[in-house]
Amino acid sequence: MEKYIEGRELSVAVLDGKALGSVELCVKKGWYDYQNKYAEGAVEHLIPAPVSIEKRKKLHQYAEKIHQFLNCRGVSRSDFRLSPTGRIYFLEINTNPGMTPTSLVPDMARLKNLTYEDIVNRLVQGAKCD
């Protein structure tokens, strides 16, 4: 069991150590559960997350530091809660985030004008051994 943290659901994707962008997840009905997560159109992805520039920079910095601290390679997605008082809580990191049509990483990558193919190519290049 975990203590419930009230607030907004935010995620930041990191590719090769740099934040791609942020997203806020807004469930149209119910909770952000398995059904809503994978049902097309059940969750609205607000990209970039509608937070202040300062909060967005902090979220990006936290996600990059967590990615680096854990020696992640390629892509990761860090999930956060933004409390009603403005406090940022780190929830978890996903070191193998989804790459489906409803996934967050491809959505955030578009902020950097990266296509799905661009992401895959960078992941493959980064996985090559010398």
N, C-alpha and C. Protein backbone atom coordinates (compact mmCIF):
# COMPACT_ATOMS: atom_id res chain seq x y z
N MET A 1 0.85 -1.17 0.00
CA MET A 1 0.00 0.00 0.00
C MET A 1 0.89 1.23 0.00
N GLU A 2 0.43 2.22 -0.71
CA GLU A 2 1.11 3.52 -0.73
C GLU A 2 0.12 4.59 -0.30
N LYS A 3 0.64 5.63 0.26
CA LYS A 3 -0.19 6.77 0.61
C LYS A 3 -0.61 7.47 -0.68
N TYR A 4 -1.88 7.81 -0.78
CA TYR A 4 -2.38 8.52 -1.95
C TYR A 4 -1.87 9.96 -1.92
N ILE A 5 -1.36 10.41 -3.04
CA ILE A 5 -0.88 11.79 -3.17
C ILE A 5 -1.84 12.50 -4.10
N GLU A 6 -2.59 13.42 -3.56
CA GLU A 6 -3.54 14.18 -4.36
C GLU A 6 -2.77 15.09 -5.31
N GLY A 7 -3.29 15.25 -6.52
CA GLY A 7 -2.66 16.18 -7.44
C GLY A 7 -2.80 15.77 -8.89
N ARG A 8 -2.10 16.50 -9.71
CA ARG A 8 -2.14 16.31 -11.15
C ARG A 8 -1.10 15.27 -11.57
N GLU A 9 -1.46 14.45 -12.55
CA GLU A 9 -0.60 13.37 -13.04
C GLU A 9 0.25 13.90 -14.18
N LEU A 10 1.58 13.94 -13.97
CA LEU A 10 2.50 14.48 -14.96
C LEU A 10 3.59 13.46 -15.27
N SER A 11 4.05 13.46 -16.51
CA SER A 11 5.14 12.59 -16.92
C SER A 11 6.14 13.37 -17.76
N VAL A 12 7.40 12.94 -17.68
CA VAL A 12 8.47 13.54 -18.48
C VAL A 12 9.26 12.40 -19.12
N ALA A 13 9.44 12.48 -20.43
CA ALA A 13 10.26 11.49 -21.14
C ALA A 13 11.67 12.03 -21.29
N VAL A 14 12.64 11.12 -21.17
CA VAL A 14 14.05 11.46 -21.35
C VAL A 14 14.61 10.53 -22.41
N LEU A 15 15.28 11.10 -23.40
CA LEU A 15 15.92 10.33 -24.46
C LEU A 15 17.38 10.72 -24.51
N ASP A 16 18.25 9.73 -24.36
CA ASP A 16 19.70 9.98 -24.37
C ASP A 16 20.11 11.06 -23.38
N GLY A 17 19.47 11.06 -22.21
CA GLY A 17 19.85 11.97 -21.14
C GLY A 17 19.19 13.33 -21.16
N LYS A 18 18.41 13.65 -22.19
CA LYS A 18 17.78 14.98 -22.29
C LYS A 18 16.25 14.83 -22.30
N ALA A 19 15.60 15.70 -21.56
CA ALA A 19 14.14 15.68 -21.51
C ALA A 19 13.55 16.01 -22.87
N LEU A 20 12.57 15.20 -23.27
CA LEU A 20 11.86 15.45 -24.53
C LEU A 20 10.71 16.43 -24.31
N GLY A 21 10.08 16.31 -23.17
CA GLY A 21 8.94 17.17 -22.89
C GLY A 21 8.14 16.61 -21.74
N SER A 22 7.03 17.27 -21.47
CA SER A 22 6.17 16.88 -20.36
C SER A 22 4.75 16.73 -20.86
N VAL A 23 3.98 15.96 -20.10
CA VAL A 23 2.58 15.73 -20.43
C VAL A 23 1.78 15.64 -19.13
N GLU A 24 0.57 16.16 -19.18
CA GLU A 24 -0.38 15.96 -18.09
C GLU A 24 -1.45 15.02 -18.60
N LEU A 25 -1.79 14.03 -17.79
CA LEU A 25 -2.81 13.05 -18.15
C LEU A 25 -4.13 13.45 -17.52
N CYS A 26 -5.15 13.61 -18.34
CA CYS A 26 -6.48 13.97 -17.86
C CYS A 26 -7.46 12.89 -18.28
N VAL A 27 -7.88 12.09 -17.31
CA VAL A 27 -8.82 11.00 -17.58
C VAL A 27 -10.20 11.61 -17.76
N LYS A 28 -10.87 11.21 -18.83
CA LYS A 28 -12.19 11.78 -19.12
C LYS A 28 -13.27 11.22 -18.20
N LYS A 29 -13.12 9.95 -17.78
CA LYS A 29 -14.12 9.34 -16.90
C LYS A 29 -13.44 8.29 -16.04
N GLY A 30 -13.62 8.40 -14.72
CA GLY A 30 -13.05 7.41 -13.81
C GLY A 30 -11.61 7.70 -13.45
N TRP A 31 -10.81 6.64 -13.35
CA TRP A 31 -9.42 6.70 -12.91
C TRP A 31 -8.49 6.40 -14.08
N TYR A 32 -7.21 6.66 -13.86
CA TYR A 32 -6.19 6.30 -14.84
C TYR A 32 -5.82 4.83 -14.57
N ASP A 33 -6.73 3.95 -14.96
CA ASP A 33 -6.53 2.52 -14.75
C ASP A 33 -6.17 1.85 -16.08
N TYR A 34 -6.00 0.55 -16.05
CA TYR A 34 -5.60 -0.19 -17.26
C TYR A 34 -6.56 0.07 -18.42
N GLN A 35 -7.84 0.02 -18.13
CA GLN A 35 -8.86 0.21 -19.17
C GLN A 35 -8.70 1.58 -19.84
N ASN A 36 -8.62 2.64 -19.05
CA ASN A 36 -8.51 3.98 -19.60
C ASN A 36 -7.15 4.22 -20.26
N LYS A 37 -6.11 3.64 -19.67
CA LYS A 37 -4.76 3.85 -20.20
C LYS A 37 -4.63 3.39 -21.65
N TYR A 38 -5.27 2.27 -21.96
CA TYR A 38 -5.10 1.69 -23.30
C TYR A 38 -6.29 1.89 -24.23
N ALA A 39 -7.33 2.54 -23.76
CA ALA A 39 -8.50 2.80 -24.61
C ALA A 39 -8.28 4.12 -25.36
N GLU A 40 -8.32 4.05 -26.66
CA GLU A 40 -8.12 5.23 -27.50
C GLU A 40 -9.14 6.31 -27.12
N GLY A 41 -8.64 7.51 -26.78
CA GLY A 41 -9.49 8.65 -26.49
C GLY A 41 -10.00 8.74 -25.06
N ALA A 42 -9.66 7.78 -24.19
CA ALA A 42 -10.15 7.81 -22.81
C ALA A 42 -9.38 8.79 -21.94
N VAL A 43 -8.16 9.09 -22.35
CA VAL A 43 -7.30 10.00 -21.58
C VAL A 43 -6.79 11.08 -22.52
N GLU A 44 -6.92 12.31 -22.08
CA GLU A 44 -6.39 13.43 -22.86
C GLU A 44 -4.96 13.69 -22.43
N HIS A 45 -4.06 13.80 -23.41
CA HIS A 45 -2.66 14.11 -23.15
C HIS A 45 -2.44 15.59 -23.42
N LEU A 46 -2.22 16.37 -22.38
CA LEU A 46 -1.98 17.80 -22.52
C LEU A 46 -0.47 18.01 -22.67
N ILE A 47 -0.05 18.38 -23.87
CA ILE A 47 1.38 18.48 -24.19
C ILE A 47 1.67 19.83 -24.80
N PRO A 48 2.63 20.57 -24.25
CA PRO A 48 3.32 20.30 -23.00
C PRO A 48 2.37 20.45 -21.82
N ALA A 49 2.76 19.88 -20.70
CA ALA A 49 1.93 19.98 -19.50
C ALA A 49 1.66 21.45 -19.20
N PRO A 50 0.42 21.81 -18.93
CA PRO A 50 0.08 23.21 -18.65
C PRO A 50 0.48 23.62 -17.23
N VAL A 51 1.77 23.80 -17.06
CA VAL A 51 2.35 24.27 -15.80
C VAL A 51 3.24 25.45 -16.12
N SER A 52 3.66 26.15 -15.10
CA SER A 52 4.55 27.29 -15.33
C SER A 52 5.86 26.83 -15.96
N ILE A 53 6.54 27.75 -16.61
CA ILE A 53 7.84 27.44 -17.21
C ILE A 53 8.81 26.96 -16.13
N GLU A 54 8.76 27.58 -14.96
CA GLU A 54 9.64 27.19 -13.86
C GLU A 54 9.38 25.75 -13.42
N LYS A 55 8.10 25.38 -13.28
CA LYS A 55 7.74 24.00 -12.89
C LYS A 55 8.17 23.03 -13.97
N ARG A 56 7.96 23.39 -15.23
CA ARG A 56 8.34 22.51 -16.33
C ARG A 56 9.85 22.27 -16.33
N LYS A 57 10.63 23.34 -16.12
CA LYS A 57 12.09 23.19 -16.04
C LYS A 57 12.48 22.26 -14.90
N LYS A 58 11.84 22.43 -13.74
CA LYS A 58 12.12 21.57 -12.58
C LYS A 58 11.80 20.11 -12.90
N LEU A 59 10.65 19.87 -13.50
CA LEU A 59 10.26 18.51 -13.86
C LEU A 59 11.28 17.89 -14.81
N HIS A 60 11.71 18.67 -15.81
CA HIS A 60 12.71 18.17 -16.77
C HIS A 60 14.02 17.87 -16.06
N GLN A 61 14.45 18.78 -15.18
CA GLN A 61 15.70 18.57 -14.44
C GLN A 61 15.63 17.32 -13.57
N TYR A 62 14.52 17.15 -12.86
CA TYR A 62 14.37 15.97 -12.01
C TYR A 62 14.43 14.69 -12.84
N ALA A 63 13.69 14.67 -13.96
CA ALA A 63 13.66 13.46 -14.80
C ALA A 63 15.04 13.16 -15.36
N GLU A 64 15.77 14.18 -15.79
CA GLU A 64 17.13 13.98 -16.32
C GLU A 64 18.07 13.46 -15.23
N LYS A 65 17.97 14.03 -14.03
CA LYS A 65 18.83 13.60 -12.92
C LYS A 65 18.53 12.16 -12.51
N ILE A 66 17.27 11.80 -12.46
CA ILE A 66 16.88 10.44 -12.10
C ILE A 66 17.39 9.46 -13.17
N HIS A 67 17.20 9.81 -14.43
CA HIS A 67 17.68 8.99 -15.55
C HIS A 67 19.19 8.76 -15.42
N GLN A 68 19.92 9.83 -15.15
CA GLN A 68 21.38 9.76 -15.02
C GLN A 68 21.79 8.97 -13.78
N PHE A 69 21.16 9.26 -12.65
CA PHE A 69 21.51 8.60 -11.39
C PHE A 69 21.36 7.09 -11.49
N LEU A 70 20.33 6.64 -12.20
CA LEU A 70 20.07 5.21 -12.34
C LEU A 70 20.82 4.58 -13.52
N ASN A 71 21.70 5.37 -14.14
CA ASN A 71 22.48 4.90 -15.29
C ASN A 71 21.60 4.36 -16.41
N CYS A 72 20.50 5.05 -16.66
CA CYS A 72 19.61 4.63 -17.74
C CYS A 72 20.23 4.95 -19.09
N ARG A 73 19.89 4.14 -20.06
CA ARG A 73 20.30 4.38 -21.45
C ARG A 73 19.04 4.46 -22.29
N GLY A 74 19.16 5.11 -23.42
CA GLY A 74 18.01 5.18 -24.31
C GLY A 74 16.93 6.07 -23.76
N VAL A 75 15.75 5.50 -23.60
CA VAL A 75 14.58 6.29 -23.20
C VAL A 75 14.04 5.83 -21.85
N SER A 76 13.57 6.79 -21.08
CA SER A 76 12.86 6.51 -19.83
C SER A 76 11.71 7.51 -19.72
N ARG A 77 10.78 7.18 -18.83
CA ARG A 77 9.69 8.11 -18.55
C ARG A 77 9.51 8.16 -17.05
N SER A 78 9.60 9.35 -16.49
CA SER A 78 9.41 9.54 -15.06
C SER A 78 8.03 10.12 -14.81
N ASP A 79 7.35 9.56 -13.81
CA ASP A 79 6.00 10.00 -13.46
C ASP A 79 6.04 10.79 -12.16
N PHE A 80 5.27 11.85 -12.14
CA PHE A 80 5.24 12.77 -11.02
C PHE A 80 3.81 13.11 -10.65
N ARG A 81 3.64 13.62 -9.45
CA ARG A 81 2.40 14.26 -9.03
C ARG A 81 2.73 15.69 -8.67
N LEU A 82 1.87 16.59 -9.08
CA LEU A 82 1.98 17.99 -8.70
C LEU A 82 0.82 18.26 -7.75
N SER A 83 1.16 18.47 -6.47
CA SER A 83 0.13 18.65 -5.45
C SER A 83 -0.59 19.98 -5.64
N PRO A 84 -1.76 20.13 -5.03
CA PRO A 84 -2.48 21.40 -5.11
C PRO A 84 -1.67 22.58 -4.58
N THR A 85 -0.69 22.31 -3.72
CA THR A 85 0.16 23.38 -3.18
C THR A 85 1.37 23.66 -4.08
N GLY A 86 1.52 22.88 -5.16
CA GLY A 86 2.62 23.10 -6.09
C GLY A 86 3.86 22.27 -5.83
N ARG A 87 3.78 21.36 -4.89
CA ARG A 87 4.92 20.49 -4.59
C ARG A 87 4.99 19.34 -5.60
N ILE A 88 6.19 19.05 -6.07
CA ILE A 88 6.41 17.97 -7.03
C ILE A 88 6.82 16.72 -6.27
N TYR A 89 6.12 15.62 -6.55
CA TYR A 89 6.45 14.32 -5.98
C TYR A 89 6.86 13.38 -7.11
N PHE A 90 8.02 12.76 -6.98
CA PHE A 90 8.44 11.73 -7.93
C PHE A 90 7.77 10.43 -7.53
N LEU A 91 7.09 9.80 -8.49
CA LEU A 91 6.40 8.54 -8.21
C LEU A 91 7.23 7.33 -8.62
N GLU A 92 7.65 7.32 -9.88
CA GLU A 92 8.38 6.16 -10.39
C GLU A 92 9.02 6.49 -11.73
N ILE A 93 9.95 5.63 -12.12
CA ILE A 93 10.55 5.73 -13.44
C ILE A 93 10.21 4.45 -14.20
N ASN A 94 9.94 4.61 -15.46
CA ASN A 94 9.68 3.47 -16.33
C ASN A 94 10.83 3.43 -17.33
N THR A 95 11.68 2.43 -17.21
CA THR A 95 12.86 2.33 -18.09
C THR A 95 12.57 1.58 -19.38
N ASN A 96 11.34 1.14 -19.54
CA ASN A 96 10.91 0.48 -20.76
C ASN A 96 9.50 0.98 -21.10
N PRO A 97 9.39 2.30 -21.35
CA PRO A 97 8.06 2.88 -21.56
C PRO A 97 7.43 2.40 -22.86
N GLY A 98 6.12 2.44 -22.88
CA GLY A 98 5.37 1.99 -24.04
C GLY A 98 5.63 2.82 -25.29
N MET A 99 5.45 2.17 -26.41
CA MET A 99 5.62 2.84 -27.71
C MET A 99 4.42 2.51 -28.60
N THR A 100 3.23 2.51 -28.01
CA THR A 100 1.99 2.24 -28.75
C THR A 100 1.38 3.56 -29.20
N PRO A 101 0.32 3.51 -30.02
CA PRO A 101 -0.33 4.76 -30.44
C PRO A 101 -0.86 5.61 -29.28
N THR A 102 -1.15 5.00 -28.12
CA THR A 102 -1.64 5.78 -26.98
C THR A 102 -0.54 6.06 -25.95
N SER A 103 0.70 5.74 -26.28
CA SER A 103 1.82 5.93 -25.35
C SER A 103 2.28 7.38 -25.29
N LEU A 104 2.93 7.71 -24.19
CA LEU A 104 3.32 9.08 -23.92
C LEU A 104 4.62 9.51 -24.58
N VAL A 105 5.60 8.61 -24.67
CA VAL A 105 6.91 8.99 -25.21
C VAL A 105 6.79 9.52 -26.65
N PRO A 106 6.11 8.80 -27.56
CA PRO A 106 5.98 9.36 -28.92
C PRO A 106 5.28 10.72 -28.95
N ASP A 107 4.31 10.90 -28.06
CA ASP A 107 3.62 12.20 -27.98
C ASP A 107 4.59 13.31 -27.59
N MET A 108 5.39 13.06 -26.56
CA MET A 108 6.33 14.08 -26.10
C MET A 108 7.45 14.31 -27.11
N ALA A 109 7.85 13.27 -27.82
CA ALA A 109 8.92 13.40 -28.82
C ALA A 109 8.53 14.37 -29.93
N ARG A 110 7.24 14.44 -30.22
CA ARG A 110 6.78 15.36 -31.26
C ARG A 110 7.08 16.82 -30.90
N LEU A 111 7.21 17.12 -29.59
CA LEU A 111 7.59 18.47 -29.17
C LEU A 111 8.97 18.84 -29.70
N LYS A 112 9.81 17.83 -29.90
CA LYS A 112 11.17 18.03 -30.41
C LYS A 112 11.25 17.67 -31.90
N ASN A 113 10.08 17.59 -32.54
CA ASN A 113 9.99 17.24 -33.96
C ASN A 113 10.63 15.89 -34.27
N LEU A 114 10.51 14.95 -33.33
CA LEU A 114 11.00 13.60 -33.54
C LEU A 114 9.82 12.67 -33.85
N THR A 115 9.99 11.86 -34.87
CA THR A 115 8.98 10.88 -35.23
C THR A 115 9.21 9.59 -34.46
N TYR A 116 8.26 8.70 -34.55
CA TYR A 116 8.39 7.38 -33.95
C TYR A 116 9.65 6.70 -34.51
N GLU A 117 9.85 6.82 -35.82
CA GLU A 117 11.01 6.21 -36.47
C GLU A 117 12.32 6.83 -35.95
N ASP A 118 12.32 8.14 -35.70
CA ASP A 118 13.50 8.80 -35.15
C ASP A 118 13.87 8.20 -33.79
N ILE A 119 12.86 8.01 -32.95
CA ILE A 119 13.11 7.45 -31.62
C ILE A 119 13.70 6.05 -31.74
N VAL A 120 13.06 5.22 -32.55
CA VAL A 120 13.53 3.84 -32.72
C VAL A 120 14.96 3.83 -33.25
N ASN A 121 15.26 4.66 -34.23
CA ASN A 121 16.62 4.72 -34.78
C ASN A 121 17.64 5.12 -33.71
N ARG A 122 17.28 6.09 -32.88
CA ARG A 122 18.21 6.51 -31.81
C ARG A 122 18.40 5.40 -30.79
N LEU A 123 17.35 4.67 -30.49
CA LEU A 123 17.46 3.56 -29.54
C LEU A 123 18.34 2.45 -30.10
N VAL A 124 18.16 2.14 -31.38
CA VAL A 124 18.98 1.10 -32.01
C VAL A 124 20.43 1.53 -32.07
N GLN A 125 20.70 2.78 -32.46
CA GLN A 125 22.08 3.27 -32.52
C GLN A 125 22.73 3.24 -31.14
N GLY A 126 21.97 3.60 -30.11
CA GLY A 126 22.51 3.60 -28.76
C GLY A 126 22.75 2.20 -28.21
N ALA A 127 22.07 1.21 -28.77
CA ALA A 127 22.22 -0.17 -28.31
C ALA A 127 23.37 -0.90 -29.00
N LYS A 128 23.89 -0.34 -30.07
CA LYS A 128 24.98 -0.99 -30.80
C LYS A 128 26.23 -1.04 -29.94
N CYS A 129 26.93 -2.14 -30.03
CA CYS A 129 28.20 -2.29 -29.33
C CYS A 129 29.33 -1.97 -30.30
N ASP A 130 30.40 -1.40 -29.77
CA ASP A 130 31.58 -1.10 -30.59
C ASP A 130 32.38 -2.35 -30.87
